[in-house]
Amino acid sequence: MAYTLDLSGRVALVTGASSGLGEQFARTLASAGAAVVLASRRTERLKSLRVDIEAQGGDAHVVSLDVTDALSIEAAVEYAESEVGPIDILINNASAISLTATAQTEAKRFDLMHDINVRGTFLMTKACIPFLAKGKNSHILTLSPPLNLHPKWFVNHVAYTISKYDMSMLTIGWAREFKDQGIAANSLWPRTTIDTAAVRNLLGGQMLANMSRKPEILADAAYYILCKSATSCTGNLFIDEQVLAAEGITDLSHYAVVPGAELYTDLFVE
């Protein structure tokens, strides 16, 4: 896709940037001109990604980040501020998943999902607020779903569901809390499953991957959200298709992993 709206001069910090959706967010934002801070515990993979982005003319920086560690979060944000510039965009992409019923959800797995999905997202945003307040058209974008309270989205994986819904509720709260500082807070979620390691390894293997879309669709939707005015585009729990349709993009066939294949609707979406 041609990124006609320029993000030059803006700094984006992407958590969980070493693979999957985080990697694609980084590539897309760099292609649109942003300086991208690649944050993850997998720094060797980040270094390889930085080389790829720079080979395409992009601006990328690597920082080690463990979102379960408050000191690691503070160090990563301070690095971005001092070495790259004021953070204008925070992508809360890092997440943990376990689609297990209550009896099968171990304490350590419950804790991990809430440490990464909820506590990590909260502390990451908290650390960035002083810098976002000084940024240009500052946005917080969190990868979390619309709030659908039908019991079917809780019954088989309540621990995971409440961790992701907590992320969406953070978005709603932040949109109002940071409104006067000119900081937007939105969430984004895919209409269909996305071909990532989670889909391949945890959900449905290659069969489900073949019924999914490429990560580019979510990254392109994010790009359009981040180009909007932070003072008017805030407090939304977006679905990728809706974002693209608002931009006049309705032919989504090129995002399919297998052209023409039946697509599988993602969790939390009717």
C-alpha atoms as a PDB file:
ATOM      1  CA  MET A   1       0.000   0.000   0.000  1.00  0.00           C
ATOM      2  CA  ALA A   2       1.180   3.536  -0.748  1.00  0.00           C
ATOM      3  CA  TYR A   3       1.348   5.519   2.500  1.00  0.00           C
ATOM      4  CA  THR A   4       0.344   8.942   1.252  1.00  0.00           C
ATOM      5  CA  LEU A   5      -0.095  10.431   4.727  1.00  0.00           C
ATOM      6  CA  ASP A   6       3.366  11.122   6.087  1.00  0.00           C
ATOM      7  CA  LEU A   7       4.425  10.145   9.628  1.00  0.00           C
ATOM      8  CA  SER A   8       7.863  11.751   9.266  1.00  0.00           C
ATOM      9  CA  GLY A   9       9.089  13.447  12.419  1.00  0.00           C
ATOM     10  CA  ARG A  10       7.056  11.167  14.688  1.00  0.00           C
ATOM     11  CA  VAL A  11       8.465   8.514  17.015  1.00  0.00           C
ATOM     12  CA  ALA A  12       6.596   5.232  17.516  1.00  0.00           C
ATOM     13  CA  LEU A  13       7.379   2.683  20.227  1.00  0.00           C
ATOM     14  CA  VAL A  14       6.076  -0.814  19.436  1.00  0.00           C
ATOM     15  CA  THR A  15       5.986  -3.482  22.146  1.00  0.00           C
ATOM     16  CA  GLY A  16       6.329  -7.120  21.151  1.00  0.00           C
ATOM     17  CA  ALA A  17       7.988  -5.984  17.928  1.00  0.00           C
ATOM     18  CA  SER A  18      10.113  -9.073  17.342  1.00  0.00           C
ATOM     19  CA  SER A  19       7.516 -11.035  15.361  1.00  0.00           C
ATOM     20  CA  GLY A  20       3.974 -11.243  14.051  1.00  0.00           C
ATOM     21  CA  LEU A  21       1.778  -8.198  14.361  1.00  0.00           C
ATOM     22  CA  GLY A  22       4.383  -6.164  16.237  1.00  0.00           C
ATOM     23  CA  GLU A  23       6.904  -6.680  13.462  1.00  0.00           C
ATOM     24  CA  GLN A  24       4.373  -5.654  10.834  1.00  0.00           C
ATOM     25  CA  PHE A  25       3.332  -2.544  12.767  1.00  0.00           C
ATOM     26  CA  ALA A  26       6.996  -1.540  12.900  1.00  0.00           C
ATOM     27  CA  ARG A  27       7.548  -2.132   9.185  1.00  0.00           C
ATOM     28  CA  THR A  28       4.419  -0.216   8.194  1.00  0.00           C
ATOM     29  CA  LEU A  29       5.067   2.788  10.415  1.00  0.00           C
ATOM     30  CA  ALA A  30       8.684   2.969   9.252  1.00  0.00           C
ATOM     31  CA  SER A  31       7.521   2.845   5.626  1.00  0.00           C
ATOM     32  CA  ALA A  32       5.247   5.793   6.389  1.00  0.00           C
ATOM     33  CA  GLY A  33       8.211   7.797   7.702  1.00  0.00           C
ATOM     34  CA  ALA A  34       8.082   7.305  11.480  1.00  0.00           C
ATOM     35  CA  ALA A  35      11.169   6.606  13.558  1.00  0.00           C
ATOM     36  CA  VAL A  36      10.327   3.248  15.125  1.00  0.00           C
ATOM     37  CA  VAL A  37      11.574   1.951  18.475  1.00  0.00           C
ATOM     38  CA  LEU A  38      11.525  -1.849  18.337  1.00  0.00           C
ATOM     39  CA  ALA A  39      10.917  -3.179  21.852  1.00  0.00           C
ATOM     40  CA  SER A  40      11.009  -6.806  22.962  1.00  0.00           C
ATOM     41  CA  ARG A  41      13.018  -9.279  25.016  1.00  0.00           C
ATOM     42  CA  ARG A  42      14.175 -10.918  21.759  1.00  0.00           C
ATOM     43  CA  THR A  43      16.805  -8.317  20.933  1.00  0.00           C
ATOM     44  CA  GLU A  44      18.700 -10.450  18.418  1.00  0.00           C
ATOM     45  CA  ARG A  45      15.562 -10.723  16.310  1.00  0.00           C
ATOM     46  CA  LEU A  46      15.007  -6.987  16.725  1.00  0.00           C
ATOM     47  CA  LYS A  47      18.490  -6.262  15.405  1.00  0.00           C
ATOM     48  CA  SER A  48      17.732  -8.296  12.279  1.00  0.00           C
ATOM     49  CA  LEU A  49      14.444  -6.453  11.831  1.00  0.00           C
ATOM     50  CA  ARG A  50      16.211  -3.103  12.233  1.00  0.00           C
ATOM     51  CA  VAL A  51      18.612  -4.042   9.417  1.00  0.00           C
ATOM     52  CA  ASP A  52      15.656  -4.943   7.174  1.00  0.00           C
ATOM     53  CA  ILE A  53      13.851  -1.693   7.924  1.00  0.00           C
ATOM     54  CA  GLU A  54      16.947   0.419   7.390  1.00  0.00           C
ATOM     55  CA  ALA A  55      17.657  -1.363   4.099  1.00  0.00           C
ATOM     56  CA  GLN A  56      14.253  -0.099   2.948  1.00  0.00           C
ATOM     57  CA  GLY A  57      15.154   3.441   3.933  1.00  0.00           C
ATOM     58  CA  GLY A  58      13.417   3.396   7.317  1.00  0.00           C
ATOM     59  CA  ASP A  59      14.575   4.588  10.728  1.00  0.00           C
ATOM     60  CA  ALA A  60      14.589   1.878  13.430  1.00  0.00           C
ATOM     61  CA  HIS A  61      16.059   1.540  16.905  1.00  0.00           C
ATOM     62  CA  VAL A  62      16.312  -1.477  19.219  1.00  0.00           C
ATOM     63  CA  VAL A  63      15.633  -1.584  22.947  1.00  0.00           C
ATOM     64  CA  SER A  64      15.297  -4.532  25.307  1.00  0.00           C
ATOM     65  CA  LEU A  65      11.896  -4.624  26.992  1.00  0.00           C
ATOM     66  CA  ASP A  66      10.205  -6.988  29.423  1.00  0.00           C
ATOM     67  CA  VAL A  67       6.693  -5.619  29.958  1.00  0.00           C
ATOM     68  CA  THR A  68       6.352  -7.658  33.172  1.00  0.00           C
ATOM     69  CA  ASP A  69       9.218  -5.660  34.722  1.00  0.00           C
ATOM     70  CA  ALA A  70       8.492  -2.072  35.744  1.00  0.00           C
ATOM     71  CA  LEU A  71      12.190  -1.144  35.738  1.00  0.00           C
ATOM     72  CA  SER A  72      12.621  -2.557  32.231  1.00  0.00           C
ATOM     73  CA  ILE A  73       9.663  -0.494  31.053  1.00  0.00           C
ATOM     74  CA  GLU A  74      11.070   2.706  32.530  1.00  0.00           C
ATOM     75  CA  ALA A  75      14.497   2.039  31.014  1.00  0.00           C
ATOM     76  CA  ALA A  76      13.043   1.368  27.558  1.00  0.00           C
ATOM     77  CA  VAL A  77      10.957   4.538  27.575  1.00  0.00           C
ATOM     78  CA  GLU A  78      13.880   6.636  28.824  1.00  0.00           C
ATOM     79  CA  TYR A  79      16.056   5.201  26.046  1.00  0.00           C
ATOM     80  CA  ALA A  80      13.480   6.091  23.412  1.00  0.00           C
ATOM     81  CA  GLU A  81      13.182   9.631  24.759  1.00  0.00           C
ATOM     82  CA  SER A  82      16.903  10.290  25.063  1.00  0.00           C
ATOM     83  CA  GLU A  83      18.187   8.495  21.953  1.00  0.00           C
ATOM     84  CA  VAL A  84      15.330   8.897  19.447  1.00  0.00           C
ATOM     85  CA  GLY A  85      13.049  11.712  20.590  1.00  0.00           C
ATOM     86  CA  PRO A  86       9.730  12.386  22.320  1.00  0.00           C
ATOM     87  CA  ILE A  87       7.348   9.458  21.860  1.00  0.00           C
ATOM     88  CA  ASP A  88       4.368  10.384  19.711  1.00  0.00           C
ATOM     89  CA  ILE A  89       2.914   6.894  19.243  1.00  0.00           C
ATOM     90  CA  LEU A  90       2.710   3.936  21.626  1.00  0.00           C
ATOM     91  CA  ILE A  91       1.588   0.594  20.228  1.00  0.00           C
ATOM     92  CA  ASN A  92       0.603  -1.753  23.059  1.00  0.00           C
ATOM     93  CA  ASN A  93       0.987  -4.947  21.066  1.00  0.00           C
ATOM     94  CA  ALA A  94       2.672  -7.349  23.531  1.00  0.00           C
ATOM     95  CA  SER A  95       0.207  -9.976  24.695  1.00  0.00           C
ATOM     96  CA  ALA A  96      -0.081 -13.503  26.085  1.00  0.00           C
ATOM     97  CA  ILE A  97      -2.801 -16.011  25.251  1.00  0.00           C
ATOM     98  CA  SER A  98      -4.092 -19.252  26.733  1.00  0.00           C
ATOM     99  CA  LEU A  99      -7.518 -20.430  25.591  1.00  0.00           C
ATOM    100  CA  THR A 100      -8.099 -22.714  28.542  1.00  0.00           C
ATOM    101  CA  ALA A 101     -11.115 -23.287  30.756  1.00  0.00           C
ATOM    102  CA  THR A 102     -10.896 -22.405  34.437  1.00  0.00           C
ATOM    103  CA  ALA A 103      -9.937 -25.880  35.634  1.00  0.00           C
ATOM    104  CA  GLN A 104      -7.131 -26.093  33.050  1.00  0.00           C
ATOM    105  CA  THR A 105      -5.689 -22.611  33.633  1.00  0.00           C
ATOM    106  CA  GLU A 106      -2.651 -22.830  35.855  1.00  0.00           C
ATOM    107  CA  ALA A 107      -1.883 -19.996  38.252  1.00  0.00           C
ATOM    108  CA  LYS A 108       1.345 -19.136  36.444  1.00  0.00           C
ATOM    109  CA  ARG A 109      -0.495 -18.898  33.116  1.00  0.00           C
ATOM    110  CA  PHE A 110      -3.230 -16.712  34.616  1.00  0.00           C
ATOM    111  CA  ASP A 111      -0.575 -14.473  36.151  1.00  0.00           C
ATOM    112  CA  LEU A 112       1.385 -14.245  32.897  1.00  0.00           C
ATOM    113  CA  MET A 113      -1.646 -13.126  30.884  1.00  0.00           C
ATOM    114  CA  HIS A 114      -2.514 -10.467  33.414  1.00  0.00           C
ATOM    115  CA  ASP A 115       1.107  -9.406  33.913  1.00  0.00           C
ATOM    116  CA  ILE A 116       1.596  -8.854  30.170  1.00  0.00           C
ATOM    117  CA  ASN A 117      -1.865  -7.949  28.895  1.00  0.00           C
ATOM    118  CA  VAL A 118      -3.117  -5.779  31.739  1.00  0.00           C
ATOM    119  CA  ARG A 119      -0.288  -4.735  34.058  1.00  0.00           C
ATOM    120  CA  GLY A 120       2.239  -4.436  31.236  1.00  0.00           C
ATOM    121  CA  THR A 121      -0.087  -2.349  29.077  1.00  0.00           C
ATOM    122  CA  PHE A 122      -0.954  -0.126  32.038  1.00  0.00           C
ATOM    123  CA  LEU A 123       2.641   0.455  33.170  1.00  0.00           C
ATOM    124  CA  MET A 124       3.896   0.927  29.612  1.00  0.00           C
ATOM    125  CA  THR A 125       1.326   3.633  29.025  1.00  0.00           C
ATOM    126  CA  LYS A 126       1.946   5.228  32.398  1.00  0.00           C
ATOM    127  CA  ALA A 127       5.664   5.505  31.649  1.00  0.00           C
ATOM    128  CA  CYS A 128       5.009   7.086  28.252  1.00  0.00           C
ATOM    129  CA  ILE A 129       2.456   9.708  29.329  1.00  0.00           C
ATOM    130  CA  PRO A 130       4.940  12.508  30.186  1.00  0.00           C
ATOM    131  CA  PHE A 131       6.531  12.112  26.745  1.00  0.00           C
ATOM    132  CA  LEU A 132       3.297  11.633  24.807  1.00  0.00           C
ATOM    133  CA  ALA A 133       2.105  14.883  26.350  1.00  0.00           C
ATOM    134  CA  LYS A 134       5.027  16.636  24.599  1.00  0.00           C
ATOM    135  CA  GLY A 135       4.651  14.714  21.342  1.00  0.00           C
ATOM    136  CA  LYS A 136       3.117  15.499  17.967  1.00  0.00           C
ATOM    137  CA  ASN A 137      -0.474  14.311  17.570  1.00  0.00           C
ATOM    138  CA  SER A 138       0.101  11.666  20.208  1.00  0.00           C
ATOM    139  CA  HIS A 139      -1.692   8.318  20.064  1.00  0.00           C
ATOM    140  CA  ILE A 140      -1.926   5.221  22.253  1.00  0.00           C
ATOM    141  CA  LEU A 141      -3.095   2.213  20.239  1.00  0.00           C
ATOM    142  CA  THR A 142      -3.793  -1.031  22.109  1.00  0.00           C
ATOM    143  CA  LEU A 143      -4.430  -4.426  20.541  1.00  0.00           C
ATOM    144  CA  SER A 144      -7.652  -5.396  22.256  1.00  0.00           C
ATOM    145  CA  PRO A 145     -11.213  -6.245  21.210  1.00  0.00           C
ATOM    146  CA  PRO A 146     -14.628  -4.641  21.348  1.00  0.00           C
ATOM    147  CA  LEU A 147     -16.440  -5.350  24.613  1.00  0.00           C
ATOM    148  CA  ASN A 148     -18.881  -8.134  23.794  1.00  0.00           C
ATOM    149  CA  LEU A 149     -20.401  -9.516  26.989  1.00  0.00           C
ATOM    150  CA  HIS A 150     -22.131 -12.526  25.487  1.00  0.00           C
ATOM    151  CA  PRO A 151     -21.324 -15.567  27.683  1.00  0.00           C
ATOM    152  CA  LYS A 152     -19.927 -17.479  24.703  1.00  0.00           C
ATOM    153  CA  TRP A 153     -16.813 -15.292  24.799  1.00  0.00           C
ATOM    154  CA  PHE A 154     -16.192 -16.194  28.442  1.00  0.00           C
ATOM    155  CA  VAL A 155     -17.246 -19.809  28.834  1.00  0.00           C
ATOM    156  CA  ASN A 156     -14.163 -21.614  27.489  1.00  0.00           C
ATOM    157  CA  HIS A 157     -11.392 -19.101  28.247  1.00  0.00           C
ATOM    158  CA  VAL A 158     -12.557 -16.665  30.896  1.00  0.00           C
ATOM    159  CA  ALA A 159      -9.047 -15.842  32.141  1.00  0.00           C
ATOM    160  CA  TYR A 160      -7.861 -14.760  28.698  1.00  0.00           C
ATOM    161  CA  THR A 161     -11.094 -12.917  27.937  1.00  0.00           C
ATOM    162  CA  ILE A 162     -11.021 -10.758  31.033  1.00  0.00           C
ATOM    163  CA  SER A 163      -7.365  -9.879  30.438  1.00  0.00           C
ATOM    164  CA  LYS A 164      -8.114  -8.627  26.906  1.00  0.00           C
ATOM    165  CA  TYR A 165     -11.299  -6.851  27.972  1.00  0.00           C
ATOM    166  CA  ASP A 166      -9.326  -5.123  30.728  1.00  0.00           C
ATOM    167  CA  MET A 167      -7.065  -3.722  27.995  1.00  0.00           C
ATOM    168  CA  SER A 168     -10.107  -2.322  26.171  1.00  0.00           C
ATOM    169  CA  MET A 169     -11.433  -0.786  29.374  1.00  0.00           C
ATOM    170  CA  LEU A 170      -8.067   0.881  29.878  1.00  0.00           C
ATOM    171  CA  THR A 171      -8.520   2.453  26.443  1.00  0.00           C
ATOM    172  CA  ILE A 172     -11.930   3.817  27.390  1.00  0.00           C
ATOM    173  CA  GLY A 173     -10.574   5.280  30.612  1.00  0.00           C
ATOM    174  CA  TRP A 174      -7.470   6.757  29.032  1.00  0.00           C
ATOM    175  CA  ALA A 175      -9.410   8.470  26.256  1.00  0.00           C
ATOM    176  CA  ARG A 176     -11.192  10.594  28.848  1.00  0.00           C
ATOM    177  CA  GLU A 177      -8.281  10.881  31.281  1.00  0.00           C
ATOM    178  CA  PHE A 178      -5.799  12.185  28.705  1.00  0.00           C
ATOM    179  CA  LYS A 179      -8.202  14.198  26.561  1.00  0.00           C
ATOM    180  CA  ASP A 180      -7.084  17.549  27.935  1.00  0.00           C
ATOM    181  CA  GLN A 181      -3.456  16.610  27.207  1.00  0.00           C
ATOM    182  CA  GLY A 182      -4.268  15.986  23.544  1.00  0.00           C
ATOM    183  CA  ILE A 183      -3.434  12.273  23.735  1.00  0.00           C
ATOM    184  CA  ALA A 184      -5.692   9.836  21.879  1.00  0.00           C
ATOM    185  CA  ALA A 185      -6.354   6.321  23.170  1.00  0.00           C
ATOM    186  CA  ASN A 186      -7.901   3.709  20.891  1.00  0.00           C
ATOM    187  CA  SER A 187      -8.017  -0.065  20.556  1.00  0.00           C
ATOM    188  CA  LEU A 188      -7.847  -2.138  17.378  1.00  0.00           C
ATOM    189  CA  TRP A 189      -8.920  -5.712  16.666  1.00  0.00           C
ATOM    190  CA  PRO A 190      -9.217  -7.823  13.501  1.00  0.00           C
ATOM    191  CA  ARG A 191     -12.489  -9.001  12.001  1.00  0.00           C
ATOM    192  CA  THR A 192     -10.853 -12.272  10.998  1.00  0.00           C
ATOM    193  CA  THR A 193      -8.023 -14.314  12.431  1.00  0.00           C
ATOM    194  CA  ILE A 194      -4.554 -13.110  11.460  1.00  0.00           C
ATOM    195  CA  ASP A 195      -1.776 -15.434  10.331  1.00  0.00           C
ATOM    196  CA  THR A 196       0.558 -15.260  13.341  1.00  0.00           C
ATOM    197  CA  ALA A 197       2.407 -17.782  15.492  1.00  0.00           C
ATOM    198  CA  ALA A 198      -0.508 -17.779  17.955  1.00  0.00           C
ATOM    199  CA  VAL A 199      -2.900 -18.867  15.220  1.00  0.00           C
ATOM    200  CA  ARG A 200      -0.532 -21.505  13.887  1.00  0.00           C
ATOM    201  CA  ASN A 201       0.664 -22.908  17.216  1.00  0.00           C
ATOM    202  CA  LEU A 202      -2.177 -22.352  19.668  1.00  0.00           C
ATOM    203  CA  LEU A 203      -5.445 -22.044  17.788  1.00  0.00           C
ATOM    204  CA  GLY A 204      -5.740 -24.038  14.612  1.00  0.00           C
ATOM    205  CA  GLY A 205      -2.464 -24.779  12.859  1.00  0.00           C
ATOM    206  CA  GLN A 206      -1.998 -24.397   9.131  1.00  0.00           C
ATOM    207  CA  MET A 207      -5.690 -24.972   8.409  1.00  0.00           C
ATOM    208  CA  LEU A 208      -6.727 -21.897  10.379  1.00  0.00           C
ATOM    209  CA  ALA A 209      -3.760 -19.917   9.040  1.00  0.00           C
ATOM    210  CA  ASN A 210      -5.087 -20.586   5.529  1.00  0.00           C
ATOM    211  CA  MET A 211      -8.443 -19.115   6.606  1.00  0.00           C
ATOM    212  CA  SER A 212      -6.791 -15.975   7.946  1.00  0.00           C
ATOM    213  CA  ARG A 213      -5.581 -12.626   6.696  1.00  0.00           C
ATOM    214  CA  LYS A 214      -2.032 -11.296   6.658  1.00  0.00           C
ATOM    215  CA  PRO A 215      -0.789  -9.005   9.460  1.00  0.00           C
ATOM    216  CA  GLU A 216      -0.648  -6.157   6.938  1.00  0.00           C
ATOM    217  CA  ILE A 217      -4.399  -5.533   7.230  1.00  0.00           C
ATOM    218  CA  LEU A 218      -4.160  -4.657  10.915  1.00  0.00           C
ATOM    219  CA  ALA A 219      -1.029  -2.569  10.383  1.00  0.00           C
ATOM    220  CA  ASP A 220      -2.665  -0.611   7.560  1.00  0.00           C
ATOM    221  CA  ALA A 221      -5.720   0.044   9.738  1.00  0.00           C
ATOM    222  CA  ALA A 222      -3.402   1.223  12.524  1.00  0.00           C
ATOM    223  CA  TYR A 223      -1.668   3.583  10.109  1.00  0.00           C
ATOM    224  CA  TYR A 224      -4.946   5.326   9.241  1.00  0.00           C
ATOM    225  CA  ILE A 225      -5.900   5.655  12.914  1.00  0.00           C
ATOM    226  CA  LEU A 226      -2.516   7.139  13.816  1.00  0.00           C
ATOM    227  CA  CYS A 227      -2.783   9.707  11.014  1.00  0.00           C
ATOM    228  CA  LYS A 228      -6.021  11.098  12.446  1.00  0.00           C
ATOM    229  CA  SER A 229      -6.249  14.023  14.845  1.00  0.00           C
ATOM    230  CA  ALA A 230      -5.680  12.877  18.411  1.00  0.00           C
ATOM    231  CA  THR A 231      -8.219  15.403  19.652  1.00  0.00           C
ATOM    232  CA  SER A 232     -11.081  13.962  17.619  1.00  0.00           C
ATOM    233  CA  CYS A 233     -10.204  10.280  17.107  1.00  0.00           C
ATOM    234  CA  THR A 234     -10.136   8.802  20.598  1.00  0.00           C
ATOM    235  CA  GLY A 235     -12.041   6.351  22.785  1.00  0.00           C
ATOM    236  CA  ASN A 236     -12.777   3.891  19.981  1.00  0.00           C
ATOM    237  CA  LEU A 237     -12.635   0.094  19.984  1.00  0.00           C
ATOM    238  CA  PHE A 238     -11.963  -0.249  16.262  1.00  0.00           C
ATOM    239  CA  ILE A 239     -12.329  -3.260  13.959  1.00  0.00           C
ATOM    240  CA  ASP A 240      -9.812  -3.262  11.097  1.00  0.00           C
ATOM    241  CA  GLU A 241     -12.412  -3.631   8.324  1.00  0.00           C
ATOM    242  CA  GLN A 242     -14.370  -0.648   9.628  1.00  0.00           C
ATOM    243  CA  VAL A 243     -11.281   1.559   9.677  1.00  0.00           C
ATOM    244  CA  LEU A 244     -10.372   0.667   6.100  1.00  0.00           C
ATOM    245  CA  ALA A 245     -13.966   1.034   4.862  1.00  0.00           C
ATOM    246  CA  ALA A 246     -14.028   4.574   6.266  1.00  0.00           C
ATOM    247  CA  GLU A 247     -11.028   5.283   4.037  1.00  0.00           C
ATOM    248  CA  GLY A 248     -12.854   3.887   0.983  1.00  0.00           C
ATOM    249  CA  ILE A 249     -10.932   0.607   1.032  1.00  0.00           C
ATOM    250  CA  THR A 250     -13.436  -2.218   0.627  1.00  0.00           C
ATOM    251  CA  ASP A 251     -11.578  -4.710  -1.558  1.00  0.00           C
ATOM    252  CA  LEU A 252      -9.615  -6.650   1.038  1.00  0.00           C
ATOM    253  CA  SER A 253      -8.905  -9.709  -1.079  1.00  0.00           C
ATOM    254  CA  HIS A 254      -5.162  -9.047  -1.250  1.00  0.00           C
ATOM    255  CA  TYR A 255      -4.902  -9.434   2.529  1.00  0.00           C
ATOM    256  CA  ALA A 256      -6.044 -13.073   2.459  1.00  0.00           C
ATOM    257  CA  VAL A 257      -3.342 -15.691   3.063  1.00  0.00           C
ATOM    258  CA  VAL A 258      -5.079 -17.900   0.508  1.00  0.00           C
ATOM    259  CA  PRO A 259      -6.914 -15.832  -2.139  1.00  0.00           C
ATOM    260  CA  GLY A 260     -10.595 -16.691  -2.242  1.00  0.00           C
ATOM    261  CA  ALA A 261     -10.514 -18.900   0.859  1.00  0.00           C
ATOM    262  CA  GLU A 262     -13.283 -18.799   3.442  1.00  0.00           C
ATOM    263  CA  LEU A 263     -12.183 -16.510   6.275  1.00  0.00           C
ATOM    264  CA  TYR A 264     -12.456 -17.398   9.962  1.00  0.00           C
ATOM    265  CA  THR A 265     -14.014 -14.751  12.211  1.00  0.00           C
ATOM    266  CA  ASP A 266     -11.817 -13.828  15.165  1.00  0.00           C
ATOM    267  CA  LEU A 267     -12.701 -14.095  18.841  1.00  0.00           C
ATOM    268  CA  PHE A 268     -15.033 -11.452  20.315  1.00  0.00           C
ATOM    269  CA  VAL A 269     -16.432 -10.494  16.904  1.00  0.00           C
ATOM    270  CA  GLU A 270     -19.922 -11.461  15.726  1.00  0.00           C
END
